[in-house]
N, C-alpha and C. Protein backbone atom coordinates (compact mmCIF):
# COMPACT_ATOMS: atom_id res chain seq x y z
N UNK A 1 45.74 87.43 39.46
CA UNK A 1 46.89 88.17 38.94
C UNK A 1 46.22 89.64 39.17
N UNK A 2 46.90 91.05 40.07
CA UNK A 2 46.15 91.99 40.05
C UNK A 2 47.59 93.04 39.85
N UNK A 3 46.92 94.25 39.05
CA UNK A 3 48.02 95.05 38.49
C UNK A 3 47.58 96.79 39.18
N UNK A 4 48.26 97.25 39.76
CA UNK A 4 48.14 98.80 40.23
C UNK A 4 49.37 99.04 40.35
N UNK A 5 49.52 100.06 42.14
CA UNK A 5 51.08 100.16 42.25
C UNK A 5 51.86 99.13 42.33
N UNK A 6 51.05 97.94 42.79
CA UNK A 6 52.27 96.49 43.34
C UNK A 6 51.68 95.55 42.30
N UNK A 7 52.20 94.67 41.98
CA UNK A 7 52.22 93.77 41.14
C UNK A 7 51.86 92.31 42.31
N UNK A 8 50.68 91.55 42.16
CA UNK A 8 50.49 90.77 43.23
C UNK A 8 50.40 89.40 42.17
N UNK A 9 50.72 87.91 42.56
CA UNK A 9 50.46 86.81 41.90
C UNK A 9 49.90 85.80 43.14
N UNK A 10 49.08 85.23 42.57
CA UNK A 10 48.12 84.24 43.43
C UNK A 10 48.15 83.18 42.89
N UNK A 11 48.04 81.72 43.93
CA UNK A 11 48.48 80.55 43.47
C UNK A 11 47.58 79.51 44.66
N UNK A 12 46.51 78.99 44.29
CA UNK A 12 45.65 77.95 45.05
C UNK A 12 45.50 76.74 44.30
N UNK A 13 45.98 75.46 45.21
CA UNK A 13 45.80 74.08 44.76
C UNK A 13 45.40 72.88 45.64
N UNK A 14 44.86 72.28 45.25
CA UNK A 14 44.45 71.32 46.38
C UNK A 14 45.58 70.34 46.31
N UNK A 15 45.92 69.87 47.73
CA UNK A 15 47.12 68.88 48.34
C UNK A 15 46.76 67.52 47.39
N UNK A 16 47.50 66.81 47.24
CA UNK A 16 47.33 65.37 46.73
C UNK A 16 46.53 64.35 47.58
N UNK A 17 45.61 63.51 46.73
CA UNK A 17 44.30 63.07 47.82
C UNK A 17 43.30 63.49 48.32
N UNK A 18 43.49 64.83 48.05
CA UNK A 18 42.38 65.66 48.24
C UNK A 18 42.23 65.62 49.78
N UNK A 19 43.15 65.87 50.41
CA UNK A 19 43.43 65.88 52.18
C UNK A 19 43.57 67.33 52.51
N UNK A 20 43.40 68.47 51.67
CA UNK A 20 43.43 69.67 52.21
C UNK A 20 43.78 70.70 50.90
N UNK A 21 44.81 71.76 50.94
CA UNK A 21 44.69 72.82 50.02
C UNK A 21 46.17 73.74 50.20
N UNK A 22 46.85 74.11 49.56
CA UNK A 22 47.66 75.42 49.74
C UNK A 22 47.64 76.42 48.84
N UNK A 23 48.11 77.42 49.58
CA UNK A 23 47.87 78.63 48.95
C UNK A 23 49.41 79.87 49.05
N UNK A 24 49.71 80.02 48.04
CA UNK A 24 51.00 81.04 47.75
C UNK A 24 50.44 82.56 47.22
N UNK A 25 51.08 83.49 47.97
CA UNK A 25 50.44 85.07 47.32
C UNK A 25 51.53 85.47 47.38
N UNK A 26 52.17 86.42 46.62
CA UNK A 26 53.46 87.27 46.36
C UNK A 26 53.08 88.46 46.09
N UNK A 27 54.06 89.64 46.46
CA UNK A 27 53.43 90.69 45.82
C UNK A 27 54.94 91.68 45.69
N UNK A 28 54.63 92.74 45.13
CA UNK A 28 56.13 93.76 45.15
C UNK A 28 55.68 94.95 44.58
N UNK A 29 56.51 96.01 44.81
CA UNK A 29 56.00 97.24 44.14
C UNK A 29 56.82 97.23 42.78
N UNK A 30 56.51 97.77 41.42
CA UNK A 30 57.31 98.05 40.68
C UNK A 30 57.38 99.50 39.98
N UNK A 31 56.79 100.55 40.75
CA UNK A 31 57.02 102.02 40.13
C UNK A 31 59.21 102.13 40.61
N UNK A 32 59.36 101.58 41.30
CA UNK A 32 60.54 101.96 41.36
C UNK A 32 61.39 101.09 40.84
N UNK A 33 61.08 100.30 39.66
CA UNK A 33 62.01 99.87 38.59
C UNK A 33 62.24 100.89 37.29
N UNK A 34 60.97 101.98 37.45
CA UNK A 34 61.12 103.07 36.13
C UNK A 34 61.51 104.13 36.58
N UNK A 35 60.82 104.71 37.95
CA UNK A 35 61.22 106.00 38.46
C UNK A 35 62.64 106.06 38.88
N UNK A 36 62.92 104.98 39.49
CA UNK A 36 64.21 105.07 40.29
C UNK A 36 65.60 105.52 39.57
N UNK A 37 65.46 105.24 38.03
CA UNK A 37 65.96 105.92 37.43
C UNK A 37 66.31 107.43 36.90
N UNK A 38 65.24 108.34 37.59
CA UNK A 38 65.08 109.68 37.39
C UNK A 38 65.54 110.31 38.93
N UNK A 39 65.47 109.68 39.95
CA UNK A 39 66.13 110.27 41.10
C UNK A 39 66.96 109.57 41.74
N UNK A 40 67.86 110.45 43.07
CA UNK A 40 69.17 109.72 43.55
C UNK A 40 68.52 108.95 44.83
N UNK A 41 67.27 109.08 44.81
CA UNK A 41 67.00 108.65 46.21
C UNK A 41 66.52 107.25 45.75
N UNK A 42 66.12 106.53 47.06
CA UNK A 42 65.72 105.26 46.98
C UNK A 42 63.96 105.09 47.36
N UNK A 43 63.34 105.04 46.18
CA UNK A 43 62.22 104.83 46.23
C UNK A 43 61.66 104.16 47.26
N UNK A 44 60.47 104.41 48.11
CA UNK A 44 60.00 103.46 49.11
C UNK A 44 59.61 101.87 48.38
N UNK A 45 60.26 100.73 49.04
CA UNK A 45 59.64 99.92 48.13
C UNK A 45 59.19 98.46 49.31
N UNK A 46 58.68 97.91 48.75
CA UNK A 46 57.93 96.56 49.52
C UNK A 46 57.84 95.32 48.56
N UNK A 47 58.37 94.07 49.30
CA UNK A 47 57.76 92.98 48.76
C UNK A 47 57.65 91.95 50.24
N UNK A 48 56.43 90.97 49.61
CA UNK A 48 56.26 90.30 50.44
C UNK A 48 55.90 88.88 50.00
N UNK A 49 55.67 88.03 50.86
CA UNK A 49 55.29 86.48 50.57
C UNK A 49 54.48 85.74 51.31
N UNK A 50 53.45 85.38 51.26
CA UNK A 50 52.16 84.90 52.19
C UNK A 50 52.08 83.13 51.36
N UNK A 51 52.20 82.22 52.48
CA UNK A 51 51.63 81.16 52.21
C UNK A 51 50.70 80.25 53.08
N UNK A 52 50.05 79.16 52.81
CA UNK A 52 49.10 78.87 53.56
C UNK A 52 48.70 77.65 53.16
N UNK A 53 48.82 76.22 54.28
CA UNK A 53 48.82 75.09 54.04
C UNK A 53 47.58 74.38 54.82
N UNK A 54 46.41 73.93 54.32
CA UNK A 54 45.57 73.08 55.23
C UNK A 54 45.58 71.76 54.95
N UNK A 55 45.26 70.86 56.15
CA UNK A 55 45.24 69.65 56.07
C UNK A 55 43.94 69.53 56.46
N UNK A 56 43.05 68.54 55.84
CA UNK A 56 41.72 67.80 56.32
C UNK A 56 41.97 66.75 56.86
N UNK A 57 41.71 66.55 58.68
CA UNK A 57 42.05 65.72 59.54
C UNK A 57 40.90 64.50 59.57
N UNK A 58 39.83 64.99 58.84
CA UNK A 58 38.31 64.22 58.99
C UNK A 58 37.67 64.06 60.64
N UNK A 59 36.47 64.05 60.26
CA UNK A 59 35.58 64.21 61.42
C UNK A 59 35.80 66.20 62.01
N UNK A 60 35.78 66.60 61.23
CA UNK A 60 35.54 68.14 61.46
C UNK A 60 36.62 69.02 62.07
N UNK A 61 37.79 67.56 61.99
CA UNK A 61 39.02 68.50 62.97
C UNK A 61 40.47 68.72 61.61
N UNK A 62 41.01 69.84 61.30
CA UNK A 62 41.85 70.18 60.26
C UNK A 62 42.57 71.10 61.04
N UNK A 63 44.02 71.25 60.50
CA UNK A 63 45.42 71.74 60.77
C UNK A 63 45.80 72.54 59.93
N UNK A 64 46.21 73.81 59.93
CA UNK A 64 46.21 74.75 59.06
C UNK A 64 47.90 75.44 59.61
N UNK A 65 49.14 75.37 58.42
CA UNK A 65 50.20 76.41 58.39
C UNK A 65 49.92 77.61 57.76
N UNK A 66 50.35 78.96 58.41
CA UNK A 66 50.49 79.93 57.47
C UNK A 66 51.99 80.47 58.10
N UNK A 67 52.08 81.53 57.03
CA UNK A 67 53.72 82.10 57.20
C UNK A 67 53.57 83.41 56.07
N UNK A 68 54.05 84.58 56.65
CA UNK A 68 54.17 85.74 56.24
C UNK A 68 55.84 86.08 56.04
N UNK A 69 56.16 86.85 54.98
CA UNK A 69 57.62 87.17 54.94
C UNK A 69 57.36 88.60 54.25
N UNK A 70 57.80 89.72 55.14
CA UNK A 70 57.56 91.22 54.48
C UNK A 70 58.67 91.59 54.72
N UNK A 71 59.04 92.63 53.51
CA UNK A 71 60.48 93.59 53.43
C UNK A 71 60.18 95.04 53.11
N UNK A 72 60.53 96.12 53.66
CA UNK A 72 60.40 97.59 53.09
C UNK A 72 61.68 98.13 53.21
N UNK A 73 61.98 98.98 52.00
CA UNK A 73 63.33 99.92 52.48
C UNK A 73 62.94 100.89 51.48
N UNK A 74 63.86 102.18 52.00
CA UNK A 74 63.94 103.43 51.48
C UNK A 74 64.70 104.27 51.98
N UNK A 75 65.68 105.29 51.22
CA UNK A 75 66.46 105.83 51.74
C UNK A 75 66.26 107.65 50.84
N UNK A 76 66.34 108.55 51.59
CA UNK A 76 66.38 109.75 51.22
C UNK A 76 67.76 110.50 51.28
N UNK A 77 68.19 111.35 50.22
CA UNK A 77 68.92 112.22 50.46
C UNK A 77 68.85 113.65 50.60
N UNK A 78 69.03 114.43 51.39
CA UNK A 78 68.97 115.94 51.79
C UNK A 78 69.75 116.75 51.69
N UNK A 79 69.88 117.71 51.16
CA UNK A 79 70.55 118.65 50.75
C UNK A 79 70.03 119.87 51.00
N UNK A 80 70.47 120.92 51.56
CA UNK A 80 70.44 122.19 51.67
C UNK A 80 71.52 123.10 52.01
N UNK A 81 71.84 123.96 52.01
CA UNK A 81 72.83 125.27 51.63
C UNK A 81 73.81 124.75 52.99
N UNK A 82 75.16 124.29 52.60
CA UNK A 82 76.10 124.22 53.61
C UNK A 82 75.54 122.75 54.57
N UNK A 83 74.78 121.80 54.28
CA UNK A 83 74.17 121.01 54.97
C UNK A 83 73.96 119.60 53.97
N UNK A 84 73.89 118.52 54.64
CA UNK A 84 73.66 117.46 53.40
C UNK A 84 73.74 116.12 54.16
N UNK A 85 73.17 115.12 54.07
CA UNK A 85 72.73 113.78 54.65
C UNK A 85 71.71 112.82 54.07
N UNK A 86 72.23 111.69 54.61
CA UNK A 86 71.25 110.43 54.19
C UNK A 86 70.94 109.77 55.10
N UNK A 87 69.22 109.65 55.04
CA UNK A 87 68.66 108.84 55.81
C UNK A 87 67.75 107.59 54.84
N UNK A 88 68.12 106.42 55.73
CA UNK A 88 67.57 105.13 55.34
C UNK A 88 66.77 104.60 56.26
N UNK A 89 65.60 103.83 55.92
CA UNK A 89 64.99 102.68 57.02
C UNK A 89 64.89 101.33 56.00
N UNK A 90 64.62 100.83 57.17
CA UNK A 90 64.22 99.03 56.82
C UNK A 90 63.55 98.36 57.64
N UNK A 91 62.63 98.04 56.84
CA UNK A 91 61.71 97.15 57.97
C UNK A 91 61.62 95.68 57.69
N UNK A 92 61.80 94.90 58.69
CA UNK A 92 61.33 93.17 58.30
C UNK A 92 60.10 93.10 59.09
N UNK A 93 59.07 92.12 58.97
CA UNK A 93 58.15 91.50 59.14
C UNK A 93 57.88 90.02 59.10
N UNK A 94 58.05 89.38 59.65
CA UNK A 94 58.13 87.64 59.83
C UNK A 94 57.34 87.23 60.67
N UNK A 95 56.09 86.25 60.17
CA UNK A 95 55.13 85.75 60.90
C UNK A 95 54.53 84.27 60.89
N UNK A 96 55.02 83.30 61.49
CA UNK A 96 54.59 81.99 61.17
C UNK A 96 53.70 81.76 62.14
N UNK A 97 52.46 80.67 62.21
CA UNK A 97 51.77 80.13 62.72
C UNK A 97 51.01 79.01 62.37
N UNK A 98 50.12 78.06 63.25
CA UNK A 98 50.10 76.73 63.32
C UNK A 98 48.74 77.21 63.99
N UNK A 99 47.22 76.48 63.60
CA UNK A 99 45.86 76.20 64.04
C UNK A 99 45.37 74.67 63.97
N UNK A 100 44.92 74.51 64.80
CA UNK A 100 44.16 73.28 65.26
C UNK A 100 42.73 73.39 65.43
N UNK A 101 41.88 72.80 64.83
CA UNK A 101 40.66 73.05 64.68
C UNK A 101 39.94 71.63 64.80
N UNK A 102 39.17 71.84 65.95
CA UNK A 102 38.87 70.11 66.50
C UNK A 102 37.17 70.28 66.83
N UNK A 103 36.49 69.45 66.00
CA UNK A 103 34.96 69.48 66.35
C UNK A 103 34.58 68.47 67.42
N UNK A 104 34.11 69.17 68.92
CA UNK A 104 33.83 68.71 69.75
C UNK A 104 32.66 68.29 69.60
N UNK A 105 32.17 66.97 68.92
CA UNK A 105 30.51 66.69 68.46
C UNK A 105 29.91 67.92 67.47
N UNK A 106 28.35 67.54 67.92
CA UNK A 106 27.49 68.27 67.24
C UNK A 106 27.34 70.08 67.67
N UNK A 107 27.75 70.17 69.36
CA UNK A 107 27.56 71.06 69.83
C UNK A 107 28.88 72.04 70.08
N UNK A 108 29.99 71.66 69.81
CA UNK A 108 31.08 72.51 70.28
C UNK A 108 32.04 72.36 69.11
N UNK A 109 33.05 73.42 69.04
CA UNK A 109 34.37 73.52 68.44
C UNK A 109 35.49 73.96 69.45
N UNK A 110 36.57 73.37 69.02
CA UNK A 110 37.64 74.08 69.66
C UNK A 110 38.83 74.43 68.95
N UNK A 111 39.42 75.67 69.05
CA UNK A 111 40.78 75.96 67.82
C UNK A 111 41.67 76.66 68.56
N UNK A 112 42.90 75.61 68.95
CA UNK A 112 44.21 76.38 69.32
C UNK A 112 44.99 76.92 68.29
N UNK A 113 45.37 78.20 69.08
CA UNK A 113 46.49 78.64 67.58
C UNK A 113 47.93 79.07 68.42
N UNK A 114 48.86 78.58 67.43
CA UNK A 114 50.34 78.99 68.04
C UNK A 114 51.37 79.82 67.08
N UNK A 115 51.45 80.86 67.80
CA UNK A 115 52.09 81.89 66.78
C UNK A 115 53.47 82.37 67.12
N UNK A 116 54.24 83.03 66.24
CA UNK A 116 55.60 83.44 66.43
C UNK A 116 55.94 84.64 65.42
N UNK A 117 55.81 85.82 65.83
CA UNK A 117 55.86 87.00 64.98
C UNK A 117 57.28 87.87 65.46
N UNK A 118 57.72 88.79 64.48
CA UNK A 118 59.01 88.92 64.54
C UNK A 118 58.94 90.84 63.70
N UNK A 119 59.37 91.65 64.55
CA UNK A 119 59.20 92.83 63.25
C UNK A 119 60.65 93.63 63.65
N UNK A 120 61.23 94.13 62.79
CA UNK A 120 62.76 95.10 62.87
C UNK A 120 62.57 96.08 62.21
N UNK A 121 62.68 97.34 62.86
CA UNK A 121 63.03 98.85 62.00
C UNK A 121 64.38 98.97 62.34
N UNK A 122 65.00 99.38 61.22
CA UNK A 122 66.38 99.69 61.47
C UNK A 122 66.50 101.22 60.78
N UNK A 123 67.15 102.10 61.09
CA UNK A 123 67.55 103.46 60.66
C UNK A 123 68.59 103.94 60.67
N UNK A 124 69.05 104.46 59.88
CA UNK A 124 70.52 104.80 59.68
C UNK A 124 70.64 106.30 59.34
N UNK A 125 71.73 107.22 59.63
CA UNK A 125 71.80 108.78 59.28
C UNK A 125 73.16 108.79 59.48
N UNK A 126 73.45 109.36 58.06
CA UNK A 126 74.74 110.37 57.71
C UNK A 126 75.12 111.23 57.41
N UNK A 127 74.81 112.37 58.14
CA UNK A 127 74.79 113.90 57.97
C UNK A 127 75.87 114.72 58.30
N UNK A 128 76.08 115.87 57.36
CA UNK A 128 77.18 116.75 57.63
C UNK A 128 76.25 118.12 57.88
N UNK A 129 76.57 118.97 59.08
CA UNK A 129 76.12 120.35 58.93
C UNK A 129 77.59 121.23 59.19
N UNK A 130 77.04 122.95 58.68
CA UNK A 130 77.84 123.58 58.70
C UNK A 130 77.72 124.19 60.50
N UNK A 131 79.22 124.12 61.62
CA UNK A 131 78.98 124.87 62.89
C UNK A 131 79.43 126.63 62.27
N UNK A 132 78.15 127.36 62.64
CA UNK A 132 78.30 128.19 62.84
C UNK A 132 78.42 129.12 64.15
N UNK A 133 78.98 128.22 64.98
CA UNK A 133 78.93 128.73 65.91
C UNK A 133 80.70 129.64 66.48
N UNK A 134 81.70 129.30 64.94
CA UNK A 134 82.82 129.55 64.89
C UNK A 134 83.04 129.98 63.90
N UNK A 135 83.80 130.98 63.38
CA UNK A 135 84.04 131.66 61.96
C UNK A 135 85.85 132.12 61.93
N UNK A 136 86.27 131.11 61.03
CA UNK A 136 87.95 131.61 61.18
C UNK A 136 87.86 133.20 60.22
N UNK A 137 89.32 133.11 59.89
CA UNK A 137 89.51 134.49 59.27
C UNK A 137 89.87 134.09 57.40
N UNK A 138 89.34 133.05 57.30
CA UNK A 138 89.37 132.90 55.63
C UNK A 138 88.40 133.94 54.83
N UNK A 139 89.11 134.18 53.68
CA UNK A 139 88.09 134.98 52.82
C UNK A 139 87.10 134.64 52.36
N UNK A 140 87.15 133.31 51.90
CA UNK A 140 85.76 132.50 51.40
C UNK A 140 84.90 131.92 52.29
N UNK A 141 83.35 132.15 52.59
CA UNK A 141 82.82 131.52 53.52
C UNK A 141 82.61 130.12 53.70
N UNK A 142 82.66 129.45 52.48
CA UNK A 142 82.62 128.08 52.56
C UNK A 142 84.11 127.56 52.86
N UNK A 143 85.09 128.20 53.22
CA UNK A 143 86.01 128.06 54.00
C UNK A 143 86.47 128.38 55.49
N UNK A 144 85.41 129.23 55.84
CA UNK A 144 85.29 130.16 57.03
C UNK A 144 84.84 129.27 57.98
N UNK A 145 84.12 128.29 57.59
CA UNK A 145 83.38 127.61 58.96
C UNK A 145 84.01 126.21 58.49
N UNK A 146 83.89 125.43 59.90
CA UNK A 146 83.75 124.21 60.15
C UNK A 146 82.86 123.14 59.78
N UNK A 147 82.71 122.07 59.80
CA UNK A 147 81.65 121.14 59.50
C UNK A 147 81.53 120.14 60.91
N UNK A 148 80.47 119.35 61.29
CA UNK A 148 80.46 118.66 62.16
C UNK A 148 79.58 117.46 61.18
N UNK A 149 79.84 116.13 61.62
CA UNK A 149 79.72 115.09 61.32
C UNK A 149 78.43 114.23 61.88
N UNK A 150 77.65 113.65 61.85
CA UNK A 150 76.69 112.78 62.85
C UNK A 150 76.84 111.81 62.11
N UNK A 151 76.84 110.32 62.60
CA UNK A 151 76.71 109.03 62.01
C UNK A 151 75.96 108.24 63.23
N UNK A 152 74.52 107.92 63.12
CA UNK A 152 74.08 107.19 63.91
C UNK A 152 73.27 105.74 63.13
N UNK A 153 73.12 104.92 64.14
CA UNK A 153 71.84 104.22 63.41
C UNK A 153 71.19 103.62 65.06
N UNK A 154 69.73 103.45 64.47
CA UNK A 154 68.87 103.03 65.53
C UNK A 154 68.13 101.63 64.98
N UNK A 155 68.07 100.49 65.63
CA UNK A 155 67.43 99.21 65.57
C UNK A 155 66.21 98.87 66.76
N UNK A 156 65.13 98.48 66.29
CA UNK A 156 64.11 98.48 66.98
C UNK A 156 63.63 96.60 66.73
N UNK A 157 63.73 95.79 67.47
CA UNK A 157 62.91 94.69 67.30
C UNK A 157 62.04 94.17 68.32
N UNK A 158 60.69 93.80 67.73
CA UNK A 158 59.95 93.26 68.67
C UNK A 158 59.72 91.63 68.37
N UNK A 159 59.42 90.67 69.35
CA UNK A 159 59.28 89.19 69.03
C UNK A 159 57.87 89.08 70.21
N UNK A 160 57.14 88.30 69.26
CA UNK A 160 55.90 87.74 70.05
C UNK A 160 55.91 86.42 69.71
N UNK A 161 55.40 85.53 70.96
CA UNK A 161 55.57 84.04 71.11
C UNK A 161 53.92 84.27 71.79
N UNK A 162 53.07 83.41 70.84
CA UNK A 162 51.59 83.35 71.51
C UNK A 162 51.13 82.15 71.46
N UNK A 163 50.25 82.08 72.12
CA UNK A 163 49.14 80.76 72.00
C UNK A 163 47.79 81.24 72.50
N UNK A 164 46.84 80.71 71.42
CA UNK A 164 45.58 80.82 71.81
C UNK A 164 44.71 80.10 71.91
N UNK A 165 43.88 79.85 72.71
CA UNK A 165 42.65 79.12 72.67
C UNK A 165 41.24 79.67 72.53
N UNK A 166 40.64 79.25 71.77
CA UNK A 166 39.14 79.44 71.47
C UNK A 166 38.19 78.11 71.78
N UNK A 167 37.23 78.65 72.49
CA UNK A 167 36.08 77.13 72.87
C UNK A 167 34.80 78.04 72.68
N UNK A 168 33.75 77.07 71.78
CA UNK A 168 32.56 77.93 71.33
C UNK A 168 31.61 76.40 71.34
N UNK A 169 30.65 76.62 72.15
CA UNK A 169 30.11 75.49 73.01
C UNK A 169 28.38 75.67 72.70
N UNK A 170 27.84 75.16 71.98
CA UNK A 170 25.91 75.38 71.86
C UNK A 170 25.19 74.11 72.77
N UNK A 171 25.08 74.92 74.06
CA UNK A 171 24.41 74.05 74.44
C UNK A 171 22.71 73.79 74.25
N UNK A 172 22.29 74.65 73.75
CA UNK A 172 20.79 74.72 73.37
C UNK A 172 20.87 75.79 71.72
N UNK A 173 19.89 75.22 71.13
CA UNK A 173 19.59 75.68 70.02
C UNK A 173 19.65 77.57 69.70
N UNK A 174 19.42 77.92 70.84
CA UNK A 174 19.29 79.34 70.92
C UNK A 174 20.24 80.37 71.74
N UNK A 175 21.27 78.92 71.92
CA UNK A 175 22.60 79.85 73.45
C UNK A 175 23.69 79.12 72.93
N UNK A 176 24.67 80.45 72.72
CA UNK A 176 26.22 79.74 72.47
C UNK A 176 27.10 80.50 73.61
N UNK A 177 27.91 79.53 73.81
CA UNK A 177 28.73 80.06 75.03
C UNK A 177 30.00 79.92 74.36
N UNK A 178 30.81 81.13 74.60
CA UNK A 178 32.24 81.31 73.97
C UNK A 178 33.31 81.27 75.03
N UNK A 179 34.48 80.66 75.32
CA UNK A 179 35.47 81.13 76.28
C UNK A 179 36.67 80.56 75.61
N UNK A 180 38.09 81.28 76.29
CA UNK A 180 39.43 80.99 76.02
C UNK A 180 40.18 81.65 76.77
N UNK A 181 41.20 81.76 75.98
CA UNK A 181 42.49 82.33 76.95
C UNK A 181 43.45 82.71 75.63
N UNK A 182 44.48 83.58 76.18
CA UNK A 182 45.53 84.36 75.21
C UNK A 182 46.56 84.47 76.02
N UNK A 183 48.05 83.43 75.75
CA UNK A 183 49.26 84.26 76.03
C UNK A 183 50.15 84.39 75.50
N UNK A 184 51.05 85.74 75.55
CA UNK A 184 51.76 86.37 74.79
C UNK A 184 53.19 86.32 75.67
N UNK A 185 54.22 85.84 74.84
CA UNK A 185 55.69 86.12 75.37
C UNK A 185 56.27 87.59 75.03
N UNK A 186 56.20 88.24 75.11
CA UNK A 186 56.92 89.76 74.46
C UNK A 186 58.12 90.17 74.38
N UNK A 187 59.05 90.09 73.65
CA UNK A 187 60.61 90.26 73.62
C UNK A 187 60.82 91.61 72.94
N UNK A 188 61.53 92.82 73.55
CA UNK A 188 61.64 93.76 73.00
C UNK A 188 63.49 94.02 73.03
N UNK A 189 63.98 94.68 71.68
CA UNK A 189 65.32 95.31 71.96
C UNK A 189 65.44 96.59 70.86
N UNK A 190 66.14 97.28 71.59
CA UNK A 190 66.40 98.64 71.32
C UNK A 190 67.67 99.01 71.44
N UNK A 191 68.52 99.46 70.15
CA UNK A 191 69.90 99.73 70.39
C UNK A 191 69.86 100.87 69.11
N UNK A 192 71.25 101.89 70.02
CA UNK A 192 71.37 102.85 69.51
C UNK A 192 72.84 103.41 69.33
N UNK A 193 73.46 103.45 68.51
CA UNK A 193 74.59 103.51 68.10
C UNK A 193 74.39 105.40 67.27
N UNK A 194 75.20 106.41 67.93
CA UNK A 194 75.48 107.73 67.50
C UNK A 194 76.66 108.04 67.84
N UNK A 195 77.72 109.04 66.72
CA UNK A 195 78.70 109.76 66.85
C UNK A 195 78.74 110.74 66.24
N UNK A 196 79.54 111.89 66.75
CA UNK A 196 79.13 113.33 66.72
C UNK A 196 80.59 113.62 66.84
N UNK A 197 81.24 114.08 65.34
CA UNK A 197 82.27 114.23 65.10
C UNK A 197 82.70 115.97 65.19
N UNK A 198 83.41 116.77 66.22
CA UNK A 198 83.26 118.35 65.70
C UNK A 198 84.35 118.73 65.08
N UNK A 199 83.94 119.27 64.00
CA UNK A 199 85.46 119.70 62.94
C UNK A 199 86.20 118.32 62.74
N UNK A 200 85.88 117.29 61.77
CA UNK A 200 86.93 116.20 62.09
C UNK A 200 88.22 117.03 60.92
N UNK A 201 87.87 117.42 60.23
CA UNK A 201 89.12 117.84 59.15
C UNK A 201 89.71 118.67 60.06
N UNK A 202 89.90 118.78 61.41
CA UNK A 202 90.72 119.46 62.33
C UNK A 202 90.94 118.64 63.31
N UNK A 203 90.76 117.50 63.12
CA UNK A 203 91.13 116.51 64.45
C UNK A 203 90.74 116.51 65.77
N UNK A 204 89.43 117.26 66.11
CA UNK A 204 89.04 117.74 67.16
C UNK A 204 88.20 116.37 67.50
N UNK A 205 87.69 116.92 68.66
CA UNK A 205 87.27 115.53 69.56
C UNK A 205 85.58 114.60 68.81
N UNK A 206 85.78 113.62 69.24
CA UNK A 206 84.40 112.77 68.64
C UNK A 206 83.82 112.40 69.57
N UNK A 207 82.32 112.64 70.14
CA UNK A 207 81.88 111.56 70.94
C UNK A 207 80.71 110.77 70.28
N UNK A 208 80.88 109.52 71.18
CA UNK A 208 80.27 108.21 70.62
C UNK A 208 79.14 107.74 71.58
N UNK A 209 77.62 107.69 71.44
CA UNK A 209 76.99 107.07 72.87
C UNK A 209 76.50 105.75 71.90
N UNK A 210 76.22 104.85 72.73
CA UNK A 210 75.84 103.55 72.55
C UNK A 210 74.94 103.10 73.66
N UNK A 211 73.39 102.67 73.15
CA UNK A 211 72.62 102.37 73.83
C UNK A 211 71.83 101.23 73.41
N UNK A 212 71.82 99.75 74.73
CA UNK A 212 71.42 98.74 74.42
C UNK A 212 70.65 98.08 74.92
N UNK A 213 69.23 97.80 74.93
CA UNK A 213 68.31 97.34 76.17
C UNK A 213 67.50 96.27 75.67
N UNK A 214 67.31 95.41 76.38
CA UNK A 214 66.13 94.49 76.30
C UNK A 214 65.15 94.12 77.55
N UNK A 215 64.07 93.97 76.99
CA UNK A 215 62.85 93.69 77.88
C UNK A 215 61.98 92.64 77.56
N UNK A 216 61.55 91.66 78.25
CA UNK A 216 60.77 90.73 78.03
C UNK A 216 59.67 90.84 79.04
N UNK A 217 58.32 90.43 78.67
CA UNK A 217 57.23 90.72 79.18
C UNK A 217 56.26 89.37 79.09
N UNK A 218 55.34 89.04 79.62
CA UNK A 218 54.37 88.02 79.75
C UNK A 218 53.09 88.38 79.83
N UNK A 219 52.14 88.05 79.02
CA UNK A 219 50.56 88.38 79.32
C UNK A 219 49.67 87.46 79.21
N UNK A 220 48.90 87.77 80.21
CA UNK A 220 47.36 86.73 79.72
C UNK A 220 46.25 87.04 79.40
N UNK A 221 45.58 86.90 79.10
CA UNK A 221 44.11 87.11 78.66
C UNK A 221 43.14 86.24 78.99
N UNK A 222 42.11 86.21 79.70
CA UNK A 222 41.24 84.91 80.01
C UNK A 222 39.79 85.16 79.30
N UNK A 223 38.67 84.83 78.57
CA UNK A 223 37.56 85.46 78.69
C UNK A 223 36.44 84.09 78.65
């Protein structure tokens, strides 16, 4: 158990039959539970959960599964003269991996790892600004100008599917040979929605823009 700006818990236990072990770790912020009562903004917060299970397969071989789930979020309210808005953000991170370690006799080790990773960032904007380009003959300044509304969201997503092979050989007592390769299947997505309403209280025009794009690439590295 550790205590600082975050609270963390950790638990590690052997599996039944002494065939391996498991580990679970969780963390989260705690200051938001107290300071959140004294501010209108949502303070930056995060929480994550990590887990790992390792199996001893015998004869120098082992199989390990691991995972991570992480969440972060915050929002901020901005207020100035005749302008106001709220900006919020959320981030999600997820990881799952499996690793197989095999002994190749006394002079070699092979490690194969397959993994999936996904990260998502979401941003939202809801704001109102005074339009100073035009002024009516109203006697009071707060009534003389119109206001424009801006509402939008941006979502960014990255997915990475990967396979990695590492081979270590000891042909002699003073020599080590290392080789391997790594393959990644990357997928990205971006989506933008933005609406600008010009003097909505007067029923004037609204402009909406939507952008949605996907991309997928493969990458291989050898060594």
